[in-house]
């Protein structure tokens, strides 16, 4: 059985695959003066596209300021706490994508205030970083040794392990993603969710299969140091949505006798968080059906548990 450890000092355990979403952030302290296209922040009204390539398993939008307590609990690979704080202090908004195995594993774009001139000089005098040309026509810095591509201005950063730029117009947001994510501290969606959702359900030890067409997840503030996640699942038909709602309700009744981990203190010295207990937290409320859509609201999440959930989503995204 998979045992998810509640991290000491609100740090989430490392995960080789899940770290891809967060691995890009340490490099935001570097910047370059090479040419890069300007993209509008995706949290603005009327946003229709993200400056990310299509084909990802997971797309995520983060309001870094509002999500800061959750992001502070994420283990950013080998980056120390001081450097992580410096990176997050400079970033206002970020979007990331995690791709299935292939030429590109991740891509990220961030908006904030970056030391472009100073770090641009560092790149220019480095033998490791070479200028490269994107298929979009823009320039970027590439390190074969690090396996990273970077392009920065004073207000925007592009990072990837492949070409950091997306061909215009990028990736279209789901039709009602703006309304769904309004007020969230971060939101994400799985364009092809069946495999990642099946993996997540299996890891939680639940005998379920959900034939989802699309999954949206939003994390919202819910009081002092508390959050709630809203999960919206689009099913192939209303009859399938009704059947899955019934199965989820049965699962909820089964899990209702378990201790609610949302009530446990965070400073528990790294005590194990059992997958069944996490499942009880995720399915604490009755699913709500609206035609082909199912909406599930979690129990209140602590900052630590929200950080853990964030990394779990990235681990099972592909």
C-alpha atoms as a PDB file:
ATOM      1  CA  UNK A   1       0.000   0.000   0.000  1.00  0.00           C
ATOM      2  CA  UNK A   2       1.227   3.455  -0.815  1.00  0.00           C
ATOM      3  CA  UNK A   3       1.925   5.486   2.339  1.00  0.00           C
ATOM      4  CA  UNK A   4       2.026   9.241   1.902  1.00  0.00           C
ATOM      5  CA  UNK A   5       4.220  10.835   4.531  1.00  0.00           C
ATOM      6  CA  UNK A   6       3.112  14.079   6.112  1.00  0.00           C
ATOM      7  CA  UNK A   7       6.277  16.198   5.665  1.00  0.00           C
ATOM      8  CA  UNK A   8       8.293  17.731   8.445  1.00  0.00           C
ATOM      9  CA  UNK A   9       8.280  21.530   8.486  1.00  0.00           C
ATOM     10  CA  UNK A  10       5.566  21.432   5.806  1.00  0.00           C
ATOM     11  CA  UNK A  11       7.849  19.980   3.141  1.00  0.00           C
ATOM     12  CA  UNK A  12       6.418  17.507   0.692  1.00  0.00           C
ATOM     13  CA  UNK A  13       8.449  14.373  -0.082  1.00  0.00           C
ATOM     14  CA  UNK A  14      10.419  14.347  -3.278  1.00  0.00           C
ATOM     15  CA  UNK A  15       8.950  12.700  -6.362  1.00  0.00           C
ATOM     16  CA  UNK A  16      10.943  12.218  -9.552  1.00  0.00           C
ATOM     17  CA  UNK A  17       7.947  12.729 -11.824  1.00  0.00           C
ATOM     18  CA  UNK A  18       5.879  15.085  -9.734  1.00  0.00           C
ATOM     19  CA  UNK A  19       8.805  17.424  -9.249  1.00  0.00           C
ATOM     20  CA  UNK A  20       8.649  18.393 -12.928  1.00  0.00           C
ATOM     21  CA  UNK A  21       5.930  20.961 -12.263  1.00  0.00           C
ATOM     22  CA  UNK A  22       8.031  22.680  -9.609  1.00  0.00           C
ATOM     23  CA  UNK A  23      11.556  22.044 -10.879  1.00  0.00           C
ATOM     24  CA  UNK A  24      11.440  25.063 -13.156  1.00  0.00           C
ATOM     25  CA  UNK A  25      11.029  27.634 -10.403  1.00  0.00           C
ATOM     26  CA  UNK A  26      14.605  27.599  -9.082  1.00  0.00           C
ATOM     27  CA  UNK A  27      15.786  28.961 -12.425  1.00  0.00           C
ATOM     28  CA  UNK A  28      13.618  32.048 -12.231  1.00  0.00           C
ATOM     29  CA  UNK A  29      16.389  33.824 -10.330  1.00  0.00           C
ATOM     30  CA  UNK A  30      18.272  33.883 -13.629  1.00  0.00           C
ATOM     31  CA  UNK A  31      17.202  36.046 -16.510  1.00  0.00           C
ATOM     32  CA  UNK A  32      18.397  37.034 -19.946  1.00  0.00           C
ATOM     33  CA  UNK A  33      17.986  39.859 -22.373  1.00  0.00           C
ATOM     34  CA  UNK A  34      17.351  37.649 -25.402  1.00  0.00           C
ATOM     35  CA  UNK A  35      14.216  38.387 -27.372  1.00  0.00           C
ATOM     36  CA  UNK A  36      11.009  36.826 -26.049  1.00  0.00           C
ATOM     37  CA  UNK A  37       7.370  37.315 -26.937  1.00  0.00           C
ATOM     38  CA  UNK A  38       5.118  39.105 -24.469  1.00  0.00           C
ATOM     39  CA  UNK A  39       2.114  37.150 -23.247  1.00  0.00           C
ATOM     40  CA  UNK A  40      -0.784  38.541 -21.199  1.00  0.00           C
ATOM     41  CA  UNK A  41      -1.229  37.193 -17.690  1.00  0.00           C
ATOM     42  CA  UNK A  42      -3.716  34.300 -17.766  1.00  0.00           C
ATOM     43  CA  UNK A  43      -5.596  35.457 -14.676  1.00  0.00           C
ATOM     44  CA  UNK A  44      -6.900  38.497 -16.513  1.00  0.00           C
ATOM     45  CA  UNK A  45     -10.514  38.685 -17.649  1.00  0.00           C
ATOM     46  CA  UNK A  46     -11.180  37.237 -21.072  1.00  0.00           C
ATOM     47  CA  UNK A  47      -8.031  35.085 -21.271  1.00  0.00           C
ATOM     48  CA  UNK A  48      -8.549  32.351 -23.866  1.00  0.00           C
ATOM     49  CA  UNK A  49      -5.094  30.803 -24.317  1.00  0.00           C
ATOM     50  CA  UNK A  50      -2.014  29.899 -22.290  1.00  0.00           C
ATOM     51  CA  UNK A  51       1.446  30.456 -23.858  1.00  0.00           C
ATOM     52  CA  UNK A  52       2.121  26.720 -23.513  1.00  0.00           C
ATOM     53  CA  UNK A  53       2.283  23.946 -26.106  1.00  0.00           C
ATOM     54  CA  UNK A  54      -0.777  21.698 -26.548  1.00  0.00           C
ATOM     55  CA  UNK A  55      -0.552  18.008 -25.678  1.00  0.00           C
ATOM     56  CA  UNK A  56       0.243  18.242 -21.957  1.00  0.00           C
ATOM     57  CA  UNK A  57      -1.146  15.805 -19.416  1.00  0.00           C
ATOM     58  CA  UNK A  58      -1.677  18.599 -16.877  1.00  0.00           C
ATOM     59  CA  UNK A  59      -1.958  22.399 -17.072  1.00  0.00           C
ATOM     60  CA  UNK A  60      -1.810  24.561 -13.945  1.00  0.00           C
ATOM     61  CA  UNK A  61      -2.307  28.291 -13.271  1.00  0.00           C
ATOM     62  CA  UNK A  62      -1.043  29.755  -9.998  1.00  0.00           C
ATOM     63  CA  UNK A  63      -1.642  33.093  -8.322  1.00  0.00           C
ATOM     64  CA  UNK A  64       1.659  32.861  -6.490  1.00  0.00           C
ATOM     65  CA  UNK A  65       0.844  35.569  -3.947  1.00  0.00           C
ATOM     66  CA  UNK A  66      -2.402  33.939  -2.844  1.00  0.00           C
ATOM     67  CA  UNK A  67      -1.057  30.399  -3.099  1.00  0.00           C
ATOM     68  CA  UNK A  68       2.144  31.259  -1.256  1.00  0.00           C
ATOM     69  CA  UNK A  69       1.394  29.330   1.983  1.00  0.00           C
ATOM     70  CA  UNK A  70       0.757  26.200  -0.094  1.00  0.00           C
ATOM     71  CA  UNK A  71       3.796  26.686  -2.335  1.00  0.00           C
ATOM     72  CA  UNK A  72       6.003  27.299   0.711  1.00  0.00           C
ATOM     73  CA  UNK A  73       5.227  23.716   1.732  1.00  0.00           C
ATOM     74  CA  UNK A  74       6.493  22.223  -1.531  1.00  0.00           C
ATOM     75  CA  UNK A  75       9.963  20.688  -1.689  1.00  0.00           C
ATOM     76  CA  UNK A  76      11.577  22.374  -4.713  1.00  0.00           C
ATOM     77  CA  UNK A  77      14.072  19.589  -5.392  1.00  0.00           C
ATOM     78  CA  UNK A  78      17.584  20.582  -4.265  1.00  0.00           C
ATOM     79  CA  UNK A  79      16.788  24.275  -3.824  1.00  0.00           C
ATOM     80  CA  UNK A  80      17.127  25.503  -0.256  1.00  0.00           C
ATOM     81  CA  UNK A  81      14.412  27.390   1.554  1.00  0.00           C
ATOM     82  CA  UNK A  82      16.187  30.725   1.117  1.00  0.00           C
ATOM     83  CA  UNK A  83      16.435  30.433  -2.650  1.00  0.00           C
ATOM     84  CA  UNK A  84      12.843  29.167  -2.927  1.00  0.00           C
ATOM     85  CA  UNK A  85      11.669  32.212  -1.001  1.00  0.00           C
ATOM     86  CA  UNK A  86      13.664  34.506  -3.292  1.00  0.00           C
ATOM     87  CA  UNK A  87      12.111  32.923  -6.390  1.00  0.00           C
ATOM     88  CA  UNK A  88       8.556  33.115  -5.053  1.00  0.00           C
ATOM     89  CA  UNK A  89       9.085  36.699  -3.896  1.00  0.00           C
ATOM     90  CA  UNK A  90       9.841  37.704  -7.494  1.00  0.00           C
ATOM     91  CA  UNK A  91       6.931  35.845  -9.106  1.00  0.00           C
ATOM     92  CA  UNK A  92       3.344  37.066  -9.286  1.00  0.00           C
ATOM     93  CA  UNK A  93       1.690  34.522 -11.575  1.00  0.00           C
ATOM     94  CA  UNK A  94       2.866  31.288 -13.173  1.00  0.00           C
ATOM     95  CA  UNK A  95       1.505  28.671 -15.557  1.00  0.00           C
ATOM     96  CA  UNK A  96       3.023  25.214 -15.961  1.00  0.00           C
ATOM     97  CA  UNK A  97       2.445  22.158 -18.116  1.00  0.00           C
ATOM     98  CA  UNK A  98       3.610  18.564 -17.627  1.00  0.00           C
ATOM     99  CA  UNK A  99       3.858  16.455 -20.794  1.00  0.00           C
ATOM    100  CA  UNK A 100       3.799  12.694 -21.383  1.00  0.00           C
ATOM    101  CA  UNK A 101       7.197  11.112 -22.102  1.00  0.00           C
ATOM    102  CA  UNK A 102       8.643  12.702 -25.223  1.00  0.00           C
ATOM    103  CA  UNK A 103      10.908  15.523 -26.403  1.00  0.00           C
ATOM    104  CA  UNK A 104       9.469  17.962 -23.862  1.00  0.00           C
ATOM    105  CA  UNK A 105       8.716  17.015 -20.250  1.00  0.00           C
ATOM    106  CA  UNK A 106       7.660  20.383 -18.864  1.00  0.00           C
ATOM    107  CA  UNK A 107       7.133  24.022 -19.788  1.00  0.00           C
ATOM    108  CA  UNK A 108       6.455  27.074 -17.635  1.00  0.00           C
ATOM    109  CA  UNK A 109       5.824  30.772 -18.079  1.00  0.00           C
ATOM    110  CA  UNK A 110       5.919  33.213 -15.159  1.00  0.00           C
ATOM    111  CA  UNK A 111       5.147  36.889 -14.646  1.00  0.00           C
ATOM    112  CA  UNK A 112       6.890  39.021 -12.038  1.00  0.00           C
ATOM    113  CA  UNK A 113      10.010  41.143 -11.572  1.00  0.00           C
ATOM    114  CA  UNK A 114      13.317  39.516 -12.523  1.00  0.00           C
ATOM    115  CA  UNK A 115      16.959  40.754 -12.562  1.00  0.00           C
ATOM    116  CA  UNK A 116      17.214  40.477 -16.339  1.00  0.00           C
ATOM    117  CA  UNK A 117      20.227  42.687 -16.969  1.00  0.00           C
ATOM    118  CA  UNK A 118      22.457  41.316 -14.224  1.00  0.00           C
ATOM    119  CA  UNK A 119      21.751  37.668 -14.974  1.00  0.00           C
ATOM    120  CA  UNK A 120      21.886  38.302 -18.733  1.00  0.00           C
ATOM    121  CA  UNK A 121      25.545  39.184 -18.302  1.00  0.00           C
ATOM    122  CA  UNK A 122      26.077  35.910 -16.455  1.00  0.00           C
ATOM    123  CA  UNK A 123      24.665  33.946 -19.381  1.00  0.00           C
ATOM    124  CA  UNK A 124      26.691  35.895 -21.910  1.00  0.00           C
ATOM    125  CA  UNK A 125      29.985  35.074 -20.158  1.00  0.00           C
ATOM    126  CA  UNK A 126      29.098  31.449 -19.417  1.00  0.00           C
ATOM    127  CA  UNK A 127      30.547  28.667 -21.580  1.00  0.00           C
ATOM    128  CA  UNK A 128      27.673  26.361 -20.571  1.00  0.00           C
ATOM    129  CA  UNK A 129      24.813  28.473 -21.932  1.00  0.00           C
ATOM    130  CA  UNK A 130      24.446  29.027 -25.676  1.00  0.00           C
ATOM    131  CA  UNK A 131      21.914  31.061 -27.621  1.00  0.00           C
ATOM    132  CA  UNK A 132      19.376  29.048 -29.603  1.00  0.00           C
ATOM    133  CA  UNK A 133      16.496  29.824 -31.913  1.00  0.00           C
ATOM    134  CA  UNK A 134      12.936  28.714 -31.244  1.00  0.00           C
ATOM    135  CA  UNK A 135      10.631  27.463 -33.988  1.00  0.00           C
ATOM    136  CA  UNK A 136       8.510  30.466 -33.009  1.00  0.00           C
ATOM    137  CA  UNK A 137      11.349  32.747 -34.130  1.00  0.00           C
ATOM    138  CA  UNK A 138      12.323  33.969 -30.648  1.00  0.00           C
ATOM    139  CA  UNK A 139      15.764  33.463 -29.074  1.00  0.00           C
ATOM    140  CA  UNK A 140      16.564  31.719 -25.802  1.00  0.00           C
ATOM    141  CA  UNK A 141      19.475  30.390 -23.772  1.00  0.00           C
ATOM    142  CA  UNK A 142      20.117  26.642 -23.826  1.00  0.00           C
ATOM    143  CA  UNK A 143      22.269  24.462 -21.560  1.00  0.00           C
ATOM    144  CA  UNK A 144      22.731  20.930 -22.833  1.00  0.00           C
ATOM    145  CA  UNK A 145      24.396  19.952 -19.570  1.00  0.00           C
ATOM    146  CA  UNK A 146      21.467  21.146 -17.451  1.00  0.00           C
ATOM    147  CA  UNK A 147      18.900  20.101 -20.047  1.00  0.00           C
ATOM    148  CA  UNK A 148      17.198  23.485 -19.724  1.00  0.00           C
ATOM    149  CA  UNK A 149      16.053  26.286 -22.004  1.00  0.00           C
ATOM    150  CA  UNK A 150      15.476  29.766 -20.567  1.00  0.00           C
ATOM    151  CA  UNK A 151      14.339  33.140 -21.827  1.00  0.00           C
ATOM    152  CA  UNK A 152      13.605  36.131 -19.615  1.00  0.00           C
ATOM    153  CA  UNK A 153      12.779  39.778 -19.615  1.00  0.00           C
ATOM    154  CA  UNK A 154      12.407  42.004 -16.570  1.00  0.00           C
ATOM    155  CA  UNK A 155       8.752  40.997 -16.255  1.00  0.00           C
ATOM    156  CA  UNK A 156       8.367  37.551 -17.809  1.00  0.00           C
ATOM    157  CA  UNK A 157      10.142  34.182 -17.797  1.00  0.00           C
ATOM    158  CA  UNK A 158       9.965  31.145 -20.093  1.00  0.00           C
ATOM    159  CA  UNK A 159      11.439  27.832 -18.915  1.00  0.00           C
ATOM    160  CA  UNK A 160      11.439  24.325 -20.370  1.00  0.00           C
ATOM    161  CA  UNK A 161      13.599  21.264 -20.940  1.00  0.00           C
ATOM    162  CA  UNK A 162      12.856  21.729 -24.666  1.00  0.00           C
ATOM    163  CA  UNK A 163      11.800  24.736 -26.709  1.00  0.00           C
ATOM    164  CA  UNK A 164      10.464  27.185 -24.082  1.00  0.00           C
ATOM    165  CA  UNK A 165       8.077  28.902 -26.489  1.00  0.00           C
ATOM    166  CA  UNK A 166       4.736  27.741 -27.811  1.00  0.00           C
ATOM    167  CA  UNK A 167       3.625  28.376 -31.344  1.00  0.00           C
ATOM    168  CA  UNK A 168       0.862  30.963 -31.434  1.00  0.00           C
ATOM    169  CA  UNK A 169      -1.775  30.955 -30.101  1.00  0.00           C
ATOM    170  CA  UNK A 170      -0.704  28.320 -27.552  1.00  0.00           C
ATOM    171  CA  UNK A 171      -3.178  26.132 -25.669  1.00  0.00           C
ATOM    172  CA  UNK A 172      -6.844  27.053 -25.425  1.00  0.00           C
ATOM    173  CA  UNK A 173      -8.334  27.205 -21.955  1.00  0.00           C
ATOM    174  CA  UNK A 174     -11.400  25.014 -21.368  1.00  0.00           C
ATOM    175  CA  UNK A 175     -14.533  26.891 -22.325  1.00  0.00           C
ATOM    176  CA  UNK A 176     -15.696  27.731 -18.808  1.00  0.00           C
ATOM    177  CA  UNK A 177     -12.356  27.488 -17.019  1.00  0.00           C
ATOM    178  CA  UNK A 178     -12.354  31.218 -16.285  1.00  0.00           C
ATOM    179  CA  UNK A 179     -15.657  31.061 -14.417  1.00  0.00           C
ATOM    180  CA  UNK A 180     -14.671  27.846 -12.638  1.00  0.00           C
ATOM    181  CA  UNK A 181     -11.293  29.154 -11.453  1.00  0.00           C
ATOM    182  CA  UNK A 182     -12.424  32.652 -10.476  1.00  0.00           C
ATOM    183  CA  UNK A 183     -11.342  33.330  -6.899  1.00  0.00           C
ATOM    184  CA  UNK A 184      -9.000  30.324  -6.746  1.00  0.00           C
ATOM    185  CA  UNK A 185      -5.408  30.505  -5.546  1.00  0.00           C
ATOM    186  CA  UNK A 186      -4.490  27.929  -8.164  1.00  0.00           C
ATOM    187  CA  UNK A 187      -6.374  25.855 -10.701  1.00  0.00           C
ATOM    188  CA  UNK A 188      -5.523  23.052 -13.095  1.00  0.00           C
ATOM    189  CA  UNK A 189      -7.050  20.726 -15.617  1.00  0.00           C
ATOM    190  CA  UNK A 190      -6.374  17.322 -17.150  1.00  0.00           C
ATOM    191  CA  UNK A 191      -7.273  17.426 -20.874  1.00  0.00           C
ATOM    192  CA  UNK A 192      -7.098  13.593 -21.124  1.00  0.00           C
ATOM    193  CA  UNK A 193      -7.783  12.553 -17.557  1.00  0.00           C
ATOM    194  CA  UNK A 194      -8.652   8.855 -17.686  1.00  0.00           C
ATOM    195  CA  UNK A 195      -5.139   7.474 -17.128  1.00  0.00           C
ATOM    196  CA  UNK A 196      -4.017   9.975 -14.424  1.00  0.00           C
ATOM    197  CA  UNK A 197      -7.351   9.770 -12.587  1.00  0.00           C
ATOM    198  CA  UNK A 198      -7.250   5.959 -12.647  1.00  0.00           C
ATOM    199  CA  UNK A 199      -3.717   6.099 -11.229  1.00  0.00           C
ATOM    200  CA  UNK A 200      -4.748   8.484  -8.481  1.00  0.00           C
ATOM    201  CA  UNK A 201      -7.828   6.434  -7.560  1.00  0.00           C
ATOM    202  CA  UNK A 202      -5.717   3.246  -7.467  1.00  0.00           C
ATOM    203  CA  UNK A 203      -3.101   4.941  -5.263  1.00  0.00           C
ATOM    204  CA  UNK A 204      -5.875   5.876  -2.831  1.00  0.00           C
ATOM    205  CA  UNK A 205      -6.855   2.200  -2.661  1.00  0.00           C
ATOM    206  CA  UNK A 206     -10.342   2.682  -4.086  1.00  0.00           C
ATOM    207  CA  UNK A 207     -11.938   0.055  -6.386  1.00  0.00           C
ATOM    208  CA  UNK A 208     -13.294   2.652  -8.828  1.00  0.00           C
ATOM    209  CA  UNK A 209     -12.899   3.639 -12.447  1.00  0.00           C
ATOM    210  CA  UNK A 210     -14.107   7.039 -13.620  1.00  0.00           C
ATOM    211  CA  UNK A 211     -14.508   7.439 -17.421  1.00  0.00           C
ATOM    212  CA  UNK A 212     -13.829  11.170 -17.280  1.00  0.00           C
ATOM    213  CA  UNK A 213     -13.707  13.314 -20.396  1.00  0.00           C
ATOM    214  CA  UNK A 214     -12.143  16.316 -18.625  1.00  0.00           C
ATOM    215  CA  UNK A 215     -11.244  17.176 -15.030  1.00  0.00           C
ATOM    216  CA  UNK A 216     -10.914  20.683 -13.580  1.00  0.00           C
ATOM    217  CA  UNK A 217      -9.528  21.259 -10.074  1.00  0.00           C
ATOM    218  CA  UNK A 218      -9.482  24.551  -8.177  1.00  0.00           C
ATOM    219  CA  UNK A 219      -7.991  25.345  -4.771  1.00  0.00           C
ATOM    220  CA  UNK A 220      -9.785  28.108  -2.846  1.00  0.00           C
ATOM    221  CA  UNK A 221      -9.118  29.858   0.443  1.00  0.00           C
ATOM    222  CA  UNK A 222     -11.545  28.714   3.144  1.00  0.00           C
ATOM    223  CA  UNK A 223     -10.734  30.712   6.245  1.00  0.00           C
ATOM    224  CA  UNK A 224      -7.616  31.163   8.350  1.00  0.00           C
ATOM    225  CA  UNK A 225      -4.904  28.819   7.030  1.00  0.00           C
ATOM    226  CA  UNK A 226      -7.509  26.581   5.410  1.00  0.00           C
ATOM    227  CA  UNK A 227      -8.324  25.678   1.817  1.00  0.00           C
ATOM    228  CA  UNK A 228     -10.955  23.746  -0.081  1.00  0.00           C
ATOM    229  CA  UNK A 229     -10.502  21.982  -3.395  1.00  0.00           C
ATOM    230  CA  UNK A 230     -13.319  21.804  -5.921  1.00  0.00           C
ATOM    231  CA  UNK A 231     -13.119  18.971  -8.457  1.00  0.00           C
ATOM    232  CA  UNK A 232     -15.323  19.058 -11.540  1.00  0.00           C
ATOM    233  CA  UNK A 233     -15.502  15.940 -13.681  1.00  0.00           C
ATOM    234  CA  UNK A 234     -17.066  15.875 -17.132  1.00  0.00           C
ATOM    235  CA  UNK A 235     -18.544  12.474 -18.011  1.00  0.00           C
ATOM    236  CA  UNK A 236     -19.486  11.084 -21.449  1.00  0.00           C
ATOM    237  CA  UNK A 237     -23.214  11.155 -20.605  1.00  0.00           C
ATOM    238  CA  UNK A 238     -25.586  12.203 -17.836  1.00  0.00           C
ATOM    239  CA  UNK A 239     -26.462   8.555 -17.131  1.00  0.00           C
ATOM    240  CA  UNK A 240     -22.784   7.739 -16.552  1.00  0.00           C
ATOM    241  CA  UNK A 241     -22.452  10.823 -14.360  1.00  0.00           C
ATOM    242  CA  UNK A 242     -25.403   9.605 -12.288  1.00  0.00           C
ATOM    243  CA  UNK A 243     -23.920   6.108 -11.952  1.00  0.00           C
ATOM    244  CA  UNK A 244     -20.501   7.416 -10.896  1.00  0.00           C
ATOM    245  CA  UNK A 245     -22.162   9.786  -8.402  1.00  0.00           C
ATOM    246  CA  UNK A 246     -23.869   6.777  -6.816  1.00  0.00           C
ATOM    247  CA  UNK A 247     -20.562   4.888  -6.623  1.00  0.00           C
ATOM    248  CA  UNK A 248     -18.799   7.885  -5.100  1.00  0.00           C
ATOM    249  CA  UNK A 249     -21.556   8.224  -2.529  1.00  0.00           C
ATOM    250  CA  UNK A 250     -21.143   4.546  -1.566  1.00  0.00           C
ATOM    251  CA  UNK A 251     -17.401   5.097  -1.294  1.00  0.00           C
ATOM    252  CA  UNK A 252     -18.004   8.171   0.840  1.00  0.00           C
ATOM    253  CA  UNK A 253     -20.217   6.180   3.218  1.00  0.00           C
ATOM    254  CA  UNK A 254     -17.511   3.528   3.512  1.00  0.00           C
ATOM    255  CA  UNK A 255     -14.849   6.120   4.276  1.00  0.00           C
ATOM    256  CA  UNK A 256     -16.959   8.188   6.655  1.00  0.00           C
ATOM    257  CA  UNK A 257     -15.933   6.100   9.649  1.00  0.00           C
ATOM    258  CA  UNK A 258     -12.270   6.959   9.216  1.00  0.00           C
ATOM    259  CA  UNK A 259     -10.609   9.696  11.235  1.00  0.00           C
ATOM    260  CA  UNK A 260     -10.702  12.952   9.310  1.00  0.00           C
ATOM    261  CA  UNK A 261      -7.066  13.984   8.690  1.00  0.00           C
ATOM    262  CA  UNK A 262      -8.198  17.598   8.298  1.00  0.00           C
ATOM    263  CA  UNK A 263      -8.661  17.672  12.074  1.00  0.00           C
ATOM    264  CA  UNK A 264      -5.189  16.331  12.840  1.00  0.00           C
ATOM    265  CA  UNK A 265      -2.423  18.806  13.750  1.00  0.00           C
ATOM    266  CA  UNK A 266       0.148  19.492  11.057  1.00  0.00           C
ATOM    267  CA  UNK A 267       3.143  19.452  13.392  1.00  0.00           C
ATOM    268  CA  UNK A 268       2.926  15.682  13.915  1.00  0.00           C
ATOM    269  CA  UNK A 269       6.582  14.868  13.432  1.00  0.00           C
ATOM    270  CA  UNK A 270       6.153  13.313   9.995  1.00  0.00           C
ATOM    271  CA  UNK A 271       3.417  10.801  10.904  1.00  0.00           C
ATOM    272  CA  UNK A 272       2.173   8.748   7.928  1.00  0.00           C
ATOM    273  CA  UNK A 273      -0.920   9.967   6.097  1.00  0.00           C
ATOM    274  CA  UNK A 274      -2.765   6.826   5.027  1.00  0.00           C
ATOM    275  CA  UNK A 275      -4.224   6.931   1.485  1.00  0.00           C
ATOM    276  CA  UNK A 276      -7.635   5.908   2.836  1.00  0.00           C
ATOM    277  CA  UNK A 277      -7.578   8.869   5.210  1.00  0.00           C
ATOM    278  CA  UNK A 278      -6.692  11.175   2.328  1.00  0.00           C
ATOM    279  CA  UNK A 279      -9.527   9.647   0.286  1.00  0.00           C
ATOM    280  CA  UNK A 280     -11.927  10.331   3.162  1.00  0.00           C
ATOM    281  CA  UNK A 281     -10.859  13.966   3.104  1.00  0.00           C
ATOM    282  CA  UNK A 282     -11.252  14.274  -0.674  1.00  0.00           C
ATOM    283  CA  UNK A 283     -14.696  12.664  -0.716  1.00  0.00           C
ATOM    284  CA  UNK A 284     -16.005  14.205   2.504  1.00  0.00           C
ATOM    285  CA  UNK A 285     -19.024  15.782   0.773  1.00  0.00           C
ATOM    286  CA  UNK A 286     -21.748  14.411  -1.468  1.00  0.00           C
ATOM    287  CA  UNK A 287     -21.006  14.719  -5.191  1.00  0.00           C
ATOM    288  CA  UNK A 288     -23.324  17.107  -7.015  1.00  0.00           C
ATOM    289  CA  UNK A 289     -24.518  16.175 -10.509  1.00  0.00           C
ATOM    290  CA  UNK A 290     -25.416  18.726 -13.174  1.00  0.00           C
ATOM    291  CA  UNK A 291     -26.052  16.903 -16.442  1.00  0.00           C
ATOM    292  CA  UNK A 292     -22.756  15.382 -17.592  1.00  0.00           C
ATOM    293  CA  UNK A 293     -20.808  17.167 -14.822  1.00  0.00           C
ATOM    294  CA  UNK A 294     -19.977  15.962 -11.318  1.00  0.00           C
ATOM    295  CA  UNK A 295     -18.706  18.443  -8.719  1.00  0.00           C
ATOM    296  CA  UNK A 296     -16.931  17.299  -5.570  1.00  0.00           C
ATOM    297  CA  UNK A 297     -15.877  19.643  -2.764  1.00  0.00           C
ATOM    298  CA  UNK A 298     -13.263  18.397  -0.316  1.00  0.00           C
ATOM    299  CA  UNK A 299     -13.219  18.866   3.416  1.00  0.00           C
ATOM    300  CA  UNK A 300     -11.207  21.889   4.638  1.00  0.00           C
ATOM    301  CA  UNK A 301      -7.509  21.321   3.972  1.00  0.00           C
ATOM    302  CA  UNK A 302      -4.630  22.567   6.081  1.00  0.00           C
ATOM    303  CA  UNK A 303      -1.747  24.320   4.343  1.00  0.00           C
ATOM    304  CA  UNK A 304       0.345  21.170   4.710  1.00  0.00           C
ATOM    305  CA  UNK A 305      -2.316  18.879   3.262  1.00  0.00           C
ATOM    306  CA  UNK A 306      -2.976  21.292   0.403  1.00  0.00           C
ATOM    307  CA  UNK A 307       0.768  21.243  -0.414  1.00  0.00           C
ATOM    308  CA  UNK A 308       0.727  17.461  -0.333  1.00  0.00           C
ATOM    309  CA  UNK A 309      -2.321  17.294  -2.596  1.00  0.00           C
ATOM    310  CA  UNK A 310      -0.658  19.661  -5.069  1.00  0.00           C
ATOM    311  CA  UNK A 311       2.376  17.430  -5.433  1.00  0.00           C
ATOM    312  CA  UNK A 312       0.286  14.255  -5.599  1.00  0.00           C
ATOM    313  CA  UNK A 313      -1.640  15.704  -8.548  1.00  0.00           C
ATOM    314  CA  UNK A 314       1.620  16.320 -10.396  1.00  0.00           C
ATOM    315  CA  UNK A 315       2.965  12.844  -9.565  1.00  0.00           C
ATOM    316  CA  UNK A 316      -0.038  11.125 -11.145  1.00  0.00           C
ATOM    317  CA  UNK A 317      -0.463  13.500 -14.073  1.00  0.00           C
ATOM    318  CA  UNK A 318       1.328  11.163 -16.527  1.00  0.00           C
END
